[in-house]
Structures are given as C-alpha cells and as structure tokens.
ModelCIF file with pLDDT and N, C-alpha, C, O atoms, coordinates in Angstrom:
data_MODEL
#
_entry.id   MODEL 
#
_entity.id                         1 
_entity.type                       polymer 
_entity.pdbx_number_of_molecules   1 
#
_entity_poly.entity_id                      1 
_entity_poly.type                           'polypeptide(L)' 
_entity_poly.nstd_linkage                   no 
_entity_poly.nstd_monomer                   no 
_entity_poly.pdbx_seq_one_letter_code       
;(UNK)(UNK)(UNK)(UNK)(UNK)(UNK)(UNK)(UNK)(UNK)(UNK)(UNK)(UNK)(UNK)(UNK)(UNK)(UNK)
(UNK)(UNK)(UNK)(UNK)(UNK)(UNK)(UNK)(UNK)(UNK)(UNK)(UNK)(UNK)(UNK)(UNK)(UNK)(UNK)
(UNK)(UNK)(UNK)(UNK)(UNK)(UNK)(UNK)(UNK)(UNK)(UNK)(UNK)(UNK)(UNK)(UNK)(UNK)(UNK)
;
_entity_poly.pdbx_seq_one_letter_code_can   XXXXXXXXXXXXXXXXXXXXXXXXXXXXXXXXXXXXXXXXXXXXXXXX 
_entity_poly.pdbx_strand_id                 A 
#
loop_
_entity_poly_seq.entity_id 
_entity_poly_seq.num 
_entity_poly_seq.mon_id 
_entity_poly_seq.hetero 
1 1  UNK n 
1 2  UNK n 
1 3  UNK n 
1 4  UNK n 
1 5  UNK n 
1 6  UNK n 
1 7  UNK n 
1 8  UNK n 
1 9  UNK n 
1 10 UNK n 
1 11 UNK n 
1 12 UNK n 
1 13 UNK n 
1 14 UNK n 
1 15 UNK n 
1 16 UNK n 
1 17 UNK n 
1 18 UNK n 
1 19 UNK n 
1 20 UNK n 
1 21 UNK n 
1 22 UNK n 
1 23 UNK n 
1 24 UNK n 
1 25 UNK n 
1 26 UNK n 
1 27 UNK n 
1 28 UNK n 
1 29 UNK n 
1 30 UNK n 
1 31 UNK n 
1 32 UNK n 
1 33 UNK n 
1 34 UNK n 
1 35 UNK n 
1 36 UNK n 
1 37 UNK n 
1 38 UNK n 
1 39 UNK n 
1 40 UNK n 
1 41 UNK n 
1 42 UNK n 
1 43 UNK n 
1 44 UNK n 
1 45 UNK n 
1 46 UNK n 
1 47 UNK n 
1 48 UNK n 
#
_struct_asym.id          A 
_struct_asym.entity_id   1 
#
loop_
_ma_qa_metric.id 
_ma_qa_metric.mode 
_ma_qa_metric.name 
_ma_qa_metric.software_group_id 
_ma_qa_metric.type 
1 global pLDDT . pLDDT 
2 local  pLDDT . pLDDT 
#
_ma_qa_metric_global.metric_id      1 
_ma_qa_metric_global.metric_value   91.96 
_ma_qa_metric_global.model_id       1 
_ma_qa_metric_global.ordinal_id     1 
#
loop_
_ma_qa_metric_local.label_asym_id 
_ma_qa_metric_local.label_comp_id 
_ma_qa_metric_local.label_seq_id 
_ma_qa_metric_local.metric_id 
_ma_qa_metric_local.metric_value 
_ma_qa_metric_local.model_id 
_ma_qa_metric_local.ordinal_id 
A UNK 1  2 97.00 1 1  
A UNK 2  2 98.00 1 2  
A UNK 3  2 97.00 1 3  
A UNK 4  2 96.00 1 4  
A UNK 5  2 96.00 1 5  
A UNK 6  2 96.00 1 6  
A UNK 7  2 97.00 1 7  
A UNK 8  2 98.00 1 8  
A UNK 9  2 97.00 1 9  
A UNK 10 2 96.00 1 10 
A UNK 11 2 93.00 1 11 
A UNK 12 2 93.00 1 12 
A UNK 13 2 92.00 1 13 
A UNK 14 2 93.00 1 14 
A UNK 15 2 91.00 1 15 
A UNK 16 2 91.00 1 16 
A UNK 17 2 93.00 1 17 
A UNK 18 2 92.00 1 18 
A UNK 19 2 95.00 1 19 
A UNK 20 2 96.00 1 20 
A UNK 21 2 97.00 1 21 
A UNK 22 2 97.00 1 22 
A UNK 23 2 98.00 1 23 
A UNK 24 2 97.00 1 24 
A UNK 25 2 96.00 1 25 
A UNK 26 2 95.00 1 26 
A UNK 27 2 95.00 1 27 
A UNK 28 2 95.00 1 28 
A UNK 29 2 95.00 1 29 
A UNK 30 2 97.00 1 30 
A UNK 31 2 97.00 1 31 
A UNK 32 2 97.00 1 32 
A UNK 33 2 97.00 1 33 
A UNK 34 2 96.00 1 34 
A UNK 35 2 96.00 1 35 
A UNK 36 2 94.00 1 36 
A UNK 37 2 91.00 1 37 
A UNK 38 2 88.00 1 38 
A UNK 39 2 83.00 1 39 
A UNK 40 2 74.00 1 40 
A UNK 41 2 75.00 1 41 
A UNK 42 2 75.00 1 42 
A UNK 43 2 80.00 1 43 
A UNK 44 2 83.00 1 44 
A UNK 45 2 82.00 1 45 
A UNK 46 2 82.00 1 46 
A UNK 47 2 83.00 1 47 
A UNK 48 2 82.00 1 48 
#
loop_
_atom_site.group_PDB 
_atom_site.id 
_atom_site.type_symbol 
_atom_site.label_atom_id 
_atom_site.label_alt_id 
_atom_site.label_comp_id 
_atom_site.label_asym_id 
_atom_site.label_entity_id 
_atom_site.label_seq_id 
_atom_site.pdbx_PDB_ins_code 
_atom_site.Cartn_x 
_atom_site.Cartn_y 
_atom_site.Cartn_z 
_atom_site.occupancy 
_atom_site.B_iso_or_equiv 
_atom_site.pdbx_formal_charge 
_atom_site.auth_seq_id 
_atom_site.auth_comp_id 
_atom_site.auth_asym_id 
_atom_site.auth_atom_id 
_atom_site.pdbx_PDB_model_num 
ATOM 1   N N  . UNK A 1 1  ? 105.525 118.221 83.401  1.00 97.00 ? 1  UNK A N  1 
ATOM 2   C CA . UNK A 1 1  ? 106.916 118.065 82.981  1.00 97.00 ? 1  UNK A CA 1 
ATOM 3   C C  . UNK A 1 1  ? 107.194 116.884 83.491  1.00 97.00 ? 1  UNK A C  1 
ATOM 4   O O  . UNK A 1 1  ? 107.545 115.975 82.739  1.00 97.00 ? 1  UNK A O  1 
ATOM 5   N N  . UNK A 1 2  ? 107.088 116.700 84.805  1.00 98.00 ? 2  UNK A N  1 
ATOM 6   C CA . UNK A 1 2  ? 107.988 115.072 85.042  1.00 98.00 ? 2  UNK A CA 1 
ATOM 7   C C  . UNK A 1 2  ? 107.110 113.830 84.852  1.00 98.00 ? 2  UNK A C  1 
ATOM 8   O O  . UNK A 1 2  ? 107.495 112.675 85.031  1.00 98.00 ? 2  UNK A O  1 
ATOM 9   N N  . UNK A 1 3  ? 105.809 114.231 84.445  1.00 97.00 ? 3  UNK A N  1 
ATOM 10  C CA . UNK A 1 3  ? 104.917 113.143 83.826  1.00 97.00 ? 3  UNK A CA 1 
ATOM 11  C C  . UNK A 1 3  ? 105.476 112.912 82.582  1.00 97.00 ? 3  UNK A C  1 
ATOM 12  O O  . UNK A 1 3  ? 105.341 111.745 82.216  1.00 97.00 ? 3  UNK A O  1 
ATOM 13  N N  . UNK A 1 4  ? 106.307 113.948 81.486  1.00 96.00 ? 4  UNK A N  1 
ATOM 14  C CA . UNK A 1 4  ? 106.898 113.233 79.824  1.00 96.00 ? 4  UNK A CA 1 
ATOM 15  C C  . UNK A 1 4  ? 107.435 112.809 80.380  1.00 96.00 ? 4  UNK A C  1 
ATOM 16  O O  . UNK A 1 4  ? 107.313 111.705 79.851  1.00 96.00 ? 4  UNK A O  1 
ATOM 17  N N  . UNK A 1 5  ? 108.569 112.514 81.754  1.00 96.00 ? 5  UNK A N  1 
ATOM 18  C CA . UNK A 1 5  ? 109.888 111.946 81.985  1.00 96.00 ? 5  UNK A CA 1 
ATOM 19  C C  . UNK A 1 5  ? 109.682 110.306 82.533  1.00 96.00 ? 5  UNK A C  1 
ATOM 20  O O  . UNK A 1 5  ? 110.458 109.361 82.397  1.00 96.00 ? 5  UNK A O  1 
ATOM 21  N N  . UNK A 1 6  ? 108.033 110.364 83.350  1.00 96.00 ? 6  UNK A N  1 
ATOM 22  C CA . UNK A 1 6  ? 107.484 109.065 83.311  1.00 96.00 ? 6  UNK A CA 1 
ATOM 23  C C  . UNK A 1 6  ? 107.905 108.840 85.045  1.00 96.00 ? 6  UNK A C  1 
ATOM 24  O O  . UNK A 1 6  ? 108.122 107.810 85.684  1.00 96.00 ? 6  UNK A O  1 
ATOM 25  N N  . UNK A 1 7  ? 107.905 110.377 85.472  1.00 97.00 ? 7  UNK A N  1 
ATOM 26  C CA . UNK A 1 7  ? 107.469 110.050 87.133  1.00 97.00 ? 7  UNK A CA 1 
ATOM 27  C C  . UNK A 1 7  ? 105.691 110.622 87.002  1.00 97.00 ? 7  UNK A C  1 
ATOM 28  O O  . UNK A 1 7  ? 105.276 111.681 86.530  1.00 97.00 ? 7  UNK A O  1 
ATOM 29  N N  . UNK A 1 8  ? 105.055 109.680 87.503  1.00 98.00 ? 8  UNK A N  1 
ATOM 30  C CA . UNK A 1 8  ? 104.016 110.117 88.212  1.00 98.00 ? 8  UNK A CA 1 
ATOM 31  C C  . UNK A 1 8  ? 103.678 109.965 90.001  1.00 98.00 ? 8  UNK A C  1 
ATOM 32  O O  . UNK A 1 8  ? 104.234 109.234 90.820  1.00 98.00 ? 8  UNK A O  1 
ATOM 33  N N  . UNK A 1 9  ? 102.567 110.952 90.189  1.00 97.00 ? 9  UNK A N  1 
ATOM 34  C CA . UNK A 1 9  ? 102.314 111.314 91.490  1.00 97.00 ? 9  UNK A CA 1 
ATOM 35  C C  . UNK A 1 9  ? 101.864 109.394 92.256  1.00 97.00 ? 9  UNK A C  1 
ATOM 36  O O  . UNK A 1 9  ? 101.291 108.362 91.909  1.00 97.00 ? 9  UNK A O  1 
ATOM 37  N N  . UNK A 1 10 ? 102.454 109.848 93.181  1.00 96.00 ? 10 UNK A N  1 
ATOM 38  C CA . UNK A 1 10 ? 102.888 108.620 94.295  1.00 96.00 ? 10 UNK A CA 1 
ATOM 39  C C  . UNK A 1 10 ? 101.724 109.110 95.742  1.00 96.00 ? 10 UNK A C  1 
ATOM 40  O O  . UNK A 1 10 ? 101.971 109.571 96.857  1.00 96.00 ? 10 UNK A O  1 
ATOM 41  N N  . UNK A 1 11 ? 100.116 108.649 94.883  1.00 93.00 ? 11 UNK A N  1 
ATOM 42  C CA . UNK A 1 11 ? 99.440  108.933 96.336  1.00 93.00 ? 11 UNK A CA 1 
ATOM 43  C C  . UNK A 1 11 ? 100.145 108.964 97.832  1.00 93.00 ? 11 UNK A C  1 
ATOM 44  O O  . UNK A 1 11 ? 99.856  109.985 98.457  1.00 93.00 ? 11 UNK A O  1 
ATOM 45  N N  . UNK A 1 12 ? 100.945 108.113 98.469  1.00 93.00 ? 12 UNK A N  1 
ATOM 46  C CA . UNK A 1 12 ? 101.055 108.048 99.411  1.00 93.00 ? 12 UNK A CA 1 
ATOM 47  C C  . UNK A 1 12 ? 102.489 108.553 100.550 1.00 93.00 ? 12 UNK A C  1 
ATOM 48  O O  . UNK A 1 12 ? 102.976 108.346 101.662 1.00 93.00 ? 12 UNK A O  1 
ATOM 49  N N  . UNK A 1 13 ? 102.714 109.626 98.821  1.00 92.00 ? 13 UNK A N  1 
ATOM 50  C CA . UNK A 1 13 ? 104.078 110.683 99.021  1.00 92.00 ? 13 UNK A CA 1 
ATOM 51  C C  . UNK A 1 13 ? 103.624 112.151 98.781  1.00 92.00 ? 13 UNK A C  1 
ATOM 52  O O  . UNK A 1 13 ? 104.375 113.104 98.573  1.00 92.00 ? 13 UNK A O  1 
ATOM 53  N N  . UNK A 1 14 ? 101.764 112.177 98.870  1.00 93.00 ? 14 UNK A N  1 
ATOM 54  C CA . UNK A 1 14 ? 101.767 113.822 98.969  1.00 93.00 ? 14 UNK A CA 1 
ATOM 55  C C  . UNK A 1 14 ? 101.153 114.353 99.594  1.00 93.00 ? 14 UNK A C  1 
ATOM 56  O O  . UNK A 1 14 ? 99.952  114.297 99.861  1.00 93.00 ? 14 UNK A O  1 
ATOM 57  N N  . UNK A 1 15 ? 102.322 115.218 100.040 1.00 91.00 ? 15 UNK A N  1 
ATOM 58  C CA . UNK A 1 15 ? 101.709 116.205 101.647 1.00 91.00 ? 15 UNK A CA 1 
ATOM 59  C C  . UNK A 1 15 ? 101.293 117.049 101.744 1.00 91.00 ? 15 UNK A C  1 
ATOM 60  O O  . UNK A 1 15 ? 101.536 117.387 102.903 1.00 91.00 ? 15 UNK A O  1 
ATOM 61  N N  . UNK A 1 16 ? 100.752 117.756 101.298 1.00 91.00 ? 16 UNK A N  1 
ATOM 62  C CA . UNK A 1 16 ? 99.972  119.427 101.204 1.00 91.00 ? 16 UNK A CA 1 
ATOM 63  C C  . UNK A 1 16 ? 100.261 120.143 102.564 1.00 91.00 ? 16 UNK A C  1 
ATOM 64  O O  . UNK A 1 16 ? 99.561  121.156 102.556 1.00 91.00 ? 16 UNK A O  1 
ATOM 65  N N  . UNK A 1 17 ? 100.763 120.098 103.385 1.00 93.00 ? 17 UNK A N  1 
ATOM 66  C CA . UNK A 1 17 ? 100.921 120.463 104.613 1.00 93.00 ? 17 UNK A CA 1 
ATOM 67  C C  . UNK A 1 17 ? 101.950 120.572 104.943 1.00 93.00 ? 17 UNK A C  1 
ATOM 68  O O  . UNK A 1 17 ? 102.166 121.151 106.007 1.00 93.00 ? 17 UNK A O  1 
ATOM 69  N N  . UNK A 1 18 ? 103.607 119.771 103.730 1.00 92.00 ? 18 UNK A N  1 
ATOM 70  C CA . UNK A 1 18 ? 104.417 120.454 103.566 1.00 92.00 ? 18 UNK A CA 1 
ATOM 71  C C  . UNK A 1 18 ? 104.944 120.626 102.483 1.00 92.00 ? 18 UNK A C  1 
ATOM 72  O O  . UNK A 1 18 ? 106.166 120.548 102.354 1.00 92.00 ? 18 UNK A O  1 
ATOM 73  N N  . UNK A 1 19 ? 103.642 121.057 100.894 1.00 95.00 ? 19 UNK A N  1 
ATOM 74  C CA . UNK A 1 19 ? 103.917 121.494 99.695  1.00 95.00 ? 19 UNK A CA 1 
ATOM 75  C C  . UNK A 1 19 ? 105.230 120.311 99.673  1.00 95.00 ? 19 UNK A C  1 
ATOM 76  O O  . UNK A 1 19 ? 106.416 120.529 99.426  1.00 95.00 ? 19 UNK A O  1 
ATOM 77  N N  . UNK A 1 20 ? 104.524 118.928 100.042 1.00 96.00 ? 20 UNK A N  1 
ATOM 78  C CA . UNK A 1 20 ? 105.862 118.419 98.876  1.00 96.00 ? 20 UNK A CA 1 
ATOM 79  C C  . UNK A 1 20 ? 104.685 117.200 98.059  1.00 96.00 ? 20 UNK A C  1 
ATOM 80  O O  . UNK A 1 20 ? 103.646 116.713 98.506  1.00 96.00 ? 20 UNK A O  1 
ATOM 81  N N  . UNK A 1 21 ? 105.181 117.055 97.099  1.00 97.00 ? 21 UNK A N  1 
ATOM 82  C CA . UNK A 1 21 ? 104.541 116.022 96.377  1.00 97.00 ? 21 UNK A CA 1 
ATOM 83  C C  . UNK A 1 21 ? 105.574 114.725 95.801  1.00 97.00 ? 21 UNK A C  1 
ATOM 84  O O  . UNK A 1 21 ? 106.668 114.963 95.291  1.00 97.00 ? 21 UNK A O  1 
ATOM 85  N N  . UNK A 1 22 ? 105.163 113.680 95.933  1.00 97.00 ? 22 UNK A N  1 
ATOM 86  C CA . UNK A 1 22 ? 106.108 112.662 95.538  1.00 97.00 ? 22 UNK A CA 1 
ATOM 87  C C  . UNK A 1 22 ? 105.759 111.957 94.038  1.00 97.00 ? 22 UNK A C  1 
ATOM 88  O O  . UNK A 1 22 ? 104.577 111.694 93.817  1.00 97.00 ? 22 UNK A O  1 
ATOM 89  N N  . UNK A 1 23 ? 107.021 111.571 92.752  1.00 98.00 ? 23 UNK A N  1 
ATOM 90  C CA . UNK A 1 23 ? 106.437 111.039 92.024  1.00 98.00 ? 23 UNK A CA 1 
ATOM 91  C C  . UNK A 1 23 ? 107.581 110.077 92.171  1.00 98.00 ? 23 UNK A C  1 
ATOM 92  O O  . UNK A 1 23 ? 108.656 110.165 92.765  1.00 98.00 ? 23 UNK A O  1 
ATOM 93  N N  . UNK A 1 24 ? 106.876 108.885 91.259  1.00 97.00 ? 24 UNK A N  1 
ATOM 94  C CA . UNK A 1 24 ? 108.123 107.676 91.528  1.00 97.00 ? 24 UNK A CA 1 
ATOM 95  C C  . UNK A 1 24 ? 107.751 107.069 89.983  1.00 97.00 ? 24 UNK A C  1 
ATOM 96  O O  . UNK A 1 24 ? 106.676 106.979 89.390  1.00 97.00 ? 24 UNK A O  1 
ATOM 97  N N  . UNK A 1 25 ? 108.881 106.764 89.678  1.00 96.00 ? 25 UNK A N  1 
ATOM 98  C CA . UNK A 1 25 ? 109.251 106.365 88.084  1.00 96.00 ? 25 UNK A CA 1 
ATOM 99  C C  . UNK A 1 25 ? 108.892 104.696 87.720  1.00 96.00 ? 25 UNK A C  1 
ATOM 100 O O  . UNK A 1 25 ? 109.485 103.831 88.366  1.00 96.00 ? 25 UNK A O  1 
ATOM 101 N N  . UNK A 1 26 ? 108.181 104.413 86.962  1.00 95.00 ? 26 UNK A N  1 
ATOM 102 C CA . UNK A 1 26 ? 107.959 102.890 86.606  1.00 95.00 ? 26 UNK A CA 1 
ATOM 103 C C  . UNK A 1 26 ? 109.659 102.177 87.511  1.00 95.00 ? 26 UNK A C  1 
ATOM 104 O O  . UNK A 1 26 ? 109.606 101.173 88.221  1.00 95.00 ? 26 UNK A O  1 
ATOM 105 N N  . UNK A 1 27 ? 110.741 102.812 87.306  1.00 95.00 ? 27 UNK A N  1 
ATOM 106 C CA . UNK A 1 27 ? 112.009 101.993 87.498  1.00 95.00 ? 27 UNK A CA 1 
ATOM 107 C C  . UNK A 1 27 ? 111.813 101.993 88.775  1.00 95.00 ? 27 UNK A C  1 
ATOM 108 O O  . UNK A 1 27 ? 112.765 101.344 89.209  1.00 95.00 ? 27 UNK A O  1 
ATOM 109 N N  . UNK A 1 28 ? 111.151 102.326 89.679  1.00 95.00 ? 28 UNK A N  1 
ATOM 110 C CA . UNK A 1 28 ? 111.384 102.821 90.987  1.00 95.00 ? 28 UNK A CA 1 
ATOM 111 C C  . UNK A 1 28 ? 111.785 104.187 91.537  1.00 95.00 ? 28 UNK A C  1 
ATOM 112 O O  . UNK A 1 28 ? 111.288 104.549 92.604  1.00 95.00 ? 28 UNK A O  1 
ATOM 113 N N  . UNK A 1 29 ? 112.494 104.833 91.005  1.00 95.00 ? 29 UNK A N  1 
ATOM 114 C CA . UNK A 1 29 ? 113.152 105.839 90.778  1.00 95.00 ? 29 UNK A CA 1 
ATOM 115 C C  . UNK A 1 29 ? 112.469 106.839 91.706  1.00 95.00 ? 29 UNK A C  1 
ATOM 116 O O  . UNK A 1 29 ? 111.312 106.420 91.754  1.00 95.00 ? 29 UNK A O  1 
ATOM 117 N N  . UNK A 1 30 ? 112.545 107.936 92.475  1.00 97.00 ? 30 UNK A N  1 
ATOM 118 C CA . UNK A 1 30 ? 111.578 108.965 93.142  1.00 97.00 ? 30 UNK A CA 1 
ATOM 119 C C  . UNK A 1 30 ? 111.806 110.335 93.204  1.00 97.00 ? 30 UNK A C  1 
ATOM 120 O O  . UNK A 1 30 ? 112.675 110.608 94.033  1.00 97.00 ? 30 UNK A O  1 
ATOM 121 N N  . UNK A 1 31 ? 111.443 111.079 92.754  1.00 97.00 ? 31 UNK A N  1 
ATOM 122 C CA . UNK A 1 31 ? 111.631 112.365 93.094  1.00 97.00 ? 31 UNK A CA 1 
ATOM 123 C C  . UNK A 1 31 ? 110.607 113.539 93.751  1.00 97.00 ? 31 UNK A C  1 
ATOM 124 O O  . UNK A 1 31 ? 109.427 113.553 93.402  1.00 97.00 ? 31 UNK A O  1 
ATOM 125 N N  . UNK A 1 32 ? 111.115 114.501 94.699  1.00 97.00 ? 32 UNK A N  1 
ATOM 126 C CA . UNK A 1 32 ? 109.565 115.023 95.600  1.00 97.00 ? 32 UNK A CA 1 
ATOM 127 C C  . UNK A 1 32 ? 109.825 115.888 95.312  1.00 97.00 ? 32 UNK A C  1 
ATOM 128 O O  . UNK A 1 32 ? 110.918 116.379 95.591  1.00 97.00 ? 32 UNK A O  1 
ATOM 129 N N  . UNK A 1 33 ? 108.509 116.731 94.296  1.00 97.00 ? 33 UNK A N  1 
ATOM 130 C CA . UNK A 1 33 ? 107.999 118.108 94.231  1.00 97.00 ? 33 UNK A CA 1 
ATOM 131 C C  . UNK A 1 33 ? 108.005 119.288 95.426  1.00 97.00 ? 33 UNK A C  1 
ATOM 132 O O  . UNK A 1 33 ? 106.961 119.829 95.061  1.00 97.00 ? 33 UNK A O  1 
ATOM 133 N N  . UNK A 1 34 ? 108.304 119.851 96.255  1.00 96.00 ? 34 UNK A N  1 
ATOM 134 C CA . UNK A 1 34 ? 108.444 120.618 96.692  1.00 96.00 ? 34 UNK A CA 1 
ATOM 135 C C  . UNK A 1 34 ? 108.417 122.274 96.450  1.00 96.00 ? 34 UNK A C  1 
ATOM 136 O O  . UNK A 1 34 ? 109.333 123.095 96.396  1.00 96.00 ? 34 UNK A O  1 
ATOM 137 N N  . UNK A 1 35 ? 106.467 122.446 96.286  1.00 96.00 ? 35 UNK A N  1 
ATOM 138 C CA . UNK A 1 35 ? 105.917 123.262 96.079  1.00 96.00 ? 35 UNK A CA 1 
ATOM 139 C C  . UNK A 1 35 ? 105.748 124.461 96.616  1.00 96.00 ? 35 UNK A C  1 
ATOM 140 O O  . UNK A 1 35 ? 104.613 124.937 96.595  1.00 96.00 ? 35 UNK A O  1 
ATOM 141 N N  . UNK A 1 36 ? 106.748 125.147 97.164  1.00 94.00 ? 36 UNK A N  1 
ATOM 142 C CA . UNK A 1 36 ? 106.425 126.046 97.694  1.00 94.00 ? 36 UNK A CA 1 
ATOM 143 C C  . UNK A 1 36 ? 107.938 127.271 97.038  1.00 94.00 ? 36 UNK A C  1 
ATOM 144 O O  . UNK A 1 36 ? 108.279 128.294 97.632  1.00 94.00 ? 36 UNK A O  1 
ATOM 145 N N  . UNK A 1 37 ? 108.296 126.976 96.303  1.00 91.00 ? 37 UNK A N  1 
ATOM 146 C CA . UNK A 1 37 ? 108.854 128.182 95.622  1.00 91.00 ? 37 UNK A CA 1 
ATOM 147 C C  . UNK A 1 37 ? 108.786 129.202 94.858  1.00 91.00 ? 37 UNK A C  1 
ATOM 148 O O  . UNK A 1 37 ? 107.927 129.194 93.977  1.00 91.00 ? 37 UNK A O  1 
ATOM 149 N N  . UNK A 1 38 ? 109.711 130.392 95.003  1.00 88.00 ? 38 UNK A N  1 
ATOM 150 C CA . UNK A 1 38 ? 109.229 131.774 94.106  1.00 88.00 ? 38 UNK A CA 1 
ATOM 151 C C  . UNK A 1 38 ? 109.917 131.923 93.282  1.00 88.00 ? 38 UNK A C  1 
ATOM 152 O O  . UNK A 1 38 ? 111.141 131.902 93.410  1.00 88.00 ? 38 UNK A O  1 
ATOM 153 N N  . UNK A 1 39 ? 108.856 132.252 91.430  1.00 83.00 ? 39 UNK A N  1 
ATOM 154 C CA . UNK A 1 39 ? 109.867 132.775 90.731  1.00 83.00 ? 39 UNK A CA 1 
ATOM 155 C C  . UNK A 1 39 ? 111.188 133.831 90.524  1.00 83.00 ? 39 UNK A C  1 
ATOM 156 O O  . UNK A 1 39 ? 111.590 134.860 91.068  1.00 83.00 ? 39 UNK A O  1 
ATOM 157 N N  . UNK A 1 40 ? 111.622 132.943 89.401  1.00 74.00 ? 40 UNK A N  1 
ATOM 158 C CA . UNK A 1 40 ? 112.965 133.350 90.200  1.00 74.00 ? 40 UNK A CA 1 
ATOM 159 C C  . UNK A 1 40 ? 113.295 134.830 88.881  1.00 74.00 ? 40 UNK A C  1 
ATOM 160 O O  . UNK A 1 40 ? 112.797 134.765 87.757  1.00 74.00 ? 40 UNK A O  1 
ATOM 161 N N  . UNK A 1 41 ? 114.223 136.086 89.346  1.00 75.00 ? 41 UNK A N  1 
ATOM 162 C CA . UNK A 1 41 ? 113.964 136.836 87.972  1.00 75.00 ? 41 UNK A CA 1 
ATOM 163 C C  . UNK A 1 41 ? 114.961 137.029 87.277  1.00 75.00 ? 41 UNK A C  1 
ATOM 164 O O  . UNK A 1 41 ? 115.104 137.914 86.433  1.00 75.00 ? 41 UNK A O  1 
ATOM 165 N N  . UNK A 1 42 ? 115.669 136.257 87.571  1.00 75.00 ? 42 UNK A N  1 
ATOM 166 C CA . UNK A 1 42 ? 116.650 135.609 86.705  1.00 75.00 ? 42 UNK A CA 1 
ATOM 167 C C  . UNK A 1 42 ? 117.303 134.434 86.407  1.00 75.00 ? 42 UNK A C  1 
ATOM 168 O O  . UNK A 1 42 ? 118.515 134.415 86.195  1.00 75.00 ? 42 UNK A O  1 
ATOM 169 N N  . UNK A 1 43 ? 116.581 133.416 86.373  1.00 80.00 ? 43 UNK A N  1 
ATOM 170 C CA . UNK A 1 43 ? 117.149 132.803 85.771  1.00 80.00 ? 43 UNK A CA 1 
ATOM 171 C C  . UNK A 1 43 ? 117.718 131.225 87.207  1.00 80.00 ? 43 UNK A C  1 
ATOM 172 O O  . UNK A 1 43 ? 116.887 131.483 88.079  1.00 80.00 ? 43 UNK A O  1 
ATOM 173 N N  . UNK A 1 44 ? 118.243 130.431 87.570  1.00 83.00 ? 44 UNK A N  1 
ATOM 174 C CA . UNK A 1 44 ? 118.350 129.827 88.318  1.00 83.00 ? 44 UNK A CA 1 
ATOM 175 C C  . UNK A 1 44 ? 119.378 130.090 89.370  1.00 83.00 ? 44 UNK A C  1 
ATOM 176 O O  . UNK A 1 44 ? 120.526 130.155 88.930  1.00 83.00 ? 44 UNK A O  1 
ATOM 177 N N  . UNK A 1 45 ? 119.216 130.280 90.835  1.00 82.00 ? 45 UNK A N  1 
ATOM 178 C CA . UNK A 1 45 ? 119.747 131.181 91.507  1.00 82.00 ? 45 UNK A CA 1 
ATOM 179 C C  . UNK A 1 45 ? 121.360 129.977 91.195  1.00 82.00 ? 45 UNK A C  1 
ATOM 180 O O  . UNK A 1 45 ? 122.130 130.412 90.340  1.00 82.00 ? 45 UNK A O  1 
ATOM 181 N N  . UNK A 1 46 ? 121.666 128.932 91.708  1.00 82.00 ? 46 UNK A N  1 
ATOM 182 C CA . UNK A 1 46 ? 122.351 128.214 91.978  1.00 82.00 ? 46 UNK A CA 1 
ATOM 183 C C  . UNK A 1 46 ? 123.565 128.072 90.427  1.00 82.00 ? 46 UNK A C  1 
ATOM 184 O O  . UNK A 1 46 ? 124.725 127.658 90.412  1.00 82.00 ? 46 UNK A O  1 
ATOM 185 N N  . UNK A 1 47 ? 122.868 128.498 89.497  1.00 83.00 ? 47 UNK A N  1 
ATOM 186 C CA . UNK A 1 47 ? 123.924 128.143 88.344  1.00 83.00 ? 47 UNK A CA 1 
ATOM 187 C C  . UNK A 1 47 ? 123.833 129.239 87.537  1.00 83.00 ? 47 UNK A C  1 
ATOM 188 O O  . UNK A 1 47 ? 124.580 129.120 86.567  1.00 83.00 ? 47 UNK A O  1 
ATOM 189 N N  . UNK A 1 48 ? 123.177 130.322 87.551  1.00 82.00 ? 48 UNK A N  1 
ATOM 190 C CA . UNK A 1 48 ? 122.617 130.932 86.786  1.00 82.00 ? 48 UNK A CA 1 
ATOM 191 C C  . UNK A 1 48 ? 123.377 132.226 87.631  1.00 82.00 ? 48 UNK A C  1 
ATOM 192 O O  . UNK A 1 48 ? 123.184 133.390 87.280  1.00 82.00 ? 48 UNK A O  1 
#
C-alpha cells in the first residue's frame, strides 16, 4: 500500500527483531511500519 504512495523499503531501516520496517520516499520523507498490530474489531480504536 505505502509503495503505491511512493514509500519504498530502506534496507538499513529493517529491524525484524523489533518488528519495524523503515520506508523512504524519493523526497526523503520516512515512515516506519511497526508490524505487530492486532486487527481491530471495529475500525480505528483512536478515531472510530
């Protein structure tokens, strides 16, 4: 999904032990996907 928005994996920011994967955009913006989430039963718990 985030690749469609232009964010691609940064191999230097991939930390399987921390369940974190860094993505970087061509313009330098960075996001980290923290992949230890459990599916919410009723949407986004902060907003919905």
